[in-house]
């Protein structure tokens, strides 16, 4: 099986960052913007938490 030249974690990180400026440019109320940002921020938090868990050495 051929490996990608790009780390899949890096690709996922970029995909989680891309919606932020688009959501910021929308001409909607702050509440709607917050509701749109909430799932993106939760996914980013899970991504970081999973990365921290994976990098921690096992005892």
C-alpha atoms as a PDB file:
ATOM      1  CA  UNK A   1       0.000   0.000   0.000  1.00  0.00           C
ATOM      2  CA  UNK A   2       1.408   3.387  -1.023  1.00  0.00           C
ATOM      3  CA  UNK A   3       1.850   5.998   1.724  1.00  0.00           C
ATOM      4  CA  UNK A   4       0.754   9.600   1.187  1.00  0.00           C
ATOM      5  CA  UNK A   5       3.589  12.128   1.116  1.00  0.00           C
ATOM      6  CA  UNK A   6       1.518  14.283   3.515  1.00  0.00           C
ATOM      7  CA  UNK A   7       0.849  13.208   7.094  1.00  0.00           C
ATOM      8  CA  UNK A   8      -2.923  12.525   7.461  1.00  0.00           C
ATOM      9  CA  UNK A   9      -2.948  14.404  10.774  1.00  0.00           C
ATOM     10  CA  UNK A  10      -1.607  17.518   9.048  1.00  0.00           C
ATOM     11  CA  UNK A  11      -4.269  17.243   6.344  1.00  0.00           C
ATOM     12  CA  UNK A  12      -7.009  16.910   8.966  1.00  0.00           C
ATOM     13  CA  UNK A  13      -5.627  19.923  10.846  1.00  0.00           C
ATOM     14  CA  UNK A  14      -5.741  22.065   7.685  1.00  0.00           C
ATOM     15  CA  UNK A  15      -9.308  20.940   6.948  1.00  0.00           C
ATOM     16  CA  UNK A  16     -10.341  21.975  10.469  1.00  0.00           C
ATOM     17  CA  UNK A  17      -8.757  25.442  10.031  1.00  0.00           C
ATOM     18  CA  UNK A  18     -10.281  26.197   6.593  1.00  0.00           C
ATOM     19  CA  UNK A  19     -13.879  26.957   7.716  1.00  0.00           C
ATOM     20  CA  UNK A  20     -12.825  29.629  10.242  1.00  0.00           C
ATOM     21  CA  UNK A  21     -12.306  32.600   7.852  1.00  0.00           C
ATOM     22  CA  UNK A  22     -15.372  31.612   5.821  1.00  0.00           C
ATOM     23  CA  UNK A  23     -17.557  31.588   8.936  1.00  0.00           C
ATOM     24  CA  UNK A  24     -16.030  34.923   9.965  1.00  0.00           C
ATOM     25  CA  UNK A  25     -16.938  36.530   6.614  1.00  0.00           C
ATOM     26  CA  UNK A  26     -20.603  35.532   6.757  1.00  0.00           C
ATOM     27  CA  UNK A  27     -22.962  38.433   7.310  1.00  0.00           C
ATOM     28  CA  UNK A  28     -25.004  36.812  10.083  1.00  0.00           C
ATOM     29  CA  UNK A  29     -25.730  37.597  13.705  1.00  0.00           C
ATOM     30  CA  UNK A  30     -23.104  36.734  16.336  1.00  0.00           C
ATOM     31  CA  UNK A  31     -25.329  33.960  17.727  1.00  0.00           C
ATOM     32  CA  UNK A  32     -25.539  32.211  14.343  1.00  0.00           C
ATOM     33  CA  UNK A  33     -21.781  32.640  13.899  1.00  0.00           C
ATOM     34  CA  UNK A  34     -21.210  31.087  17.325  1.00  0.00           C
ATOM     35  CA  UNK A  35     -23.471  28.146  16.465  1.00  0.00           C
ATOM     36  CA  UNK A  36     -21.524  27.610  13.232  1.00  0.00           C
ATOM     37  CA  UNK A  37     -18.174  27.819  15.022  1.00  0.00           C
ATOM     38  CA  UNK A  38     -19.127  25.481  17.848  1.00  0.00           C
ATOM     39  CA  UNK A  39     -18.798  22.152  15.943  1.00  0.00           C
ATOM     40  CA  UNK A  40     -15.520  23.294  14.345  1.00  0.00           C
ATOM     41  CA  UNK A  41     -14.030  24.243  17.726  1.00  0.00           C
ATOM     42  CA  UNK A  42     -15.199  20.957  19.279  1.00  0.00           C
ATOM     43  CA  UNK A  43     -13.586  18.968  16.445  1.00  0.00           C
ATOM     44  CA  UNK A  44     -10.353  20.952  16.837  1.00  0.00           C
ATOM     45  CA  UNK A  45     -10.341  20.241  20.571  1.00  0.00           C
ATOM     46  CA  UNK A  46     -10.865  16.522  19.993  1.00  0.00           C
ATOM     47  CA  UNK A  47      -8.092  16.523  17.405  1.00  0.00           C
ATOM     48  CA  UNK A  48      -5.625  18.172  19.808  1.00  0.00           C
ATOM     49  CA  UNK A  49      -6.684  15.961  22.732  1.00  0.00           C
ATOM     50  CA  UNK A  50      -6.250  12.817  20.631  1.00  0.00           C
ATOM     51  CA  UNK A  51      -2.821  14.004  19.472  1.00  0.00           C
ATOM     52  CA  UNK A  52      -1.731  14.683  23.038  1.00  0.00           C
ATOM     53  CA  UNK A  53      -2.963  11.258  24.159  1.00  0.00           C
ATOM     54  CA  UNK A  54      -1.108   9.520  21.337  1.00  0.00           C
ATOM     55  CA  UNK A  55       2.175  11.318  21.995  1.00  0.00           C
ATOM     56  CA  UNK A  56       2.167  10.540  25.741  1.00  0.00           C
ATOM     57  CA  UNK A  57       4.334   7.497  26.529  1.00  0.00           C
ATOM     58  CA  UNK A  58       2.602   4.476  28.033  1.00  0.00           C
ATOM     59  CA  UNK A  59       3.573   3.379  31.539  1.00  0.00           C
END
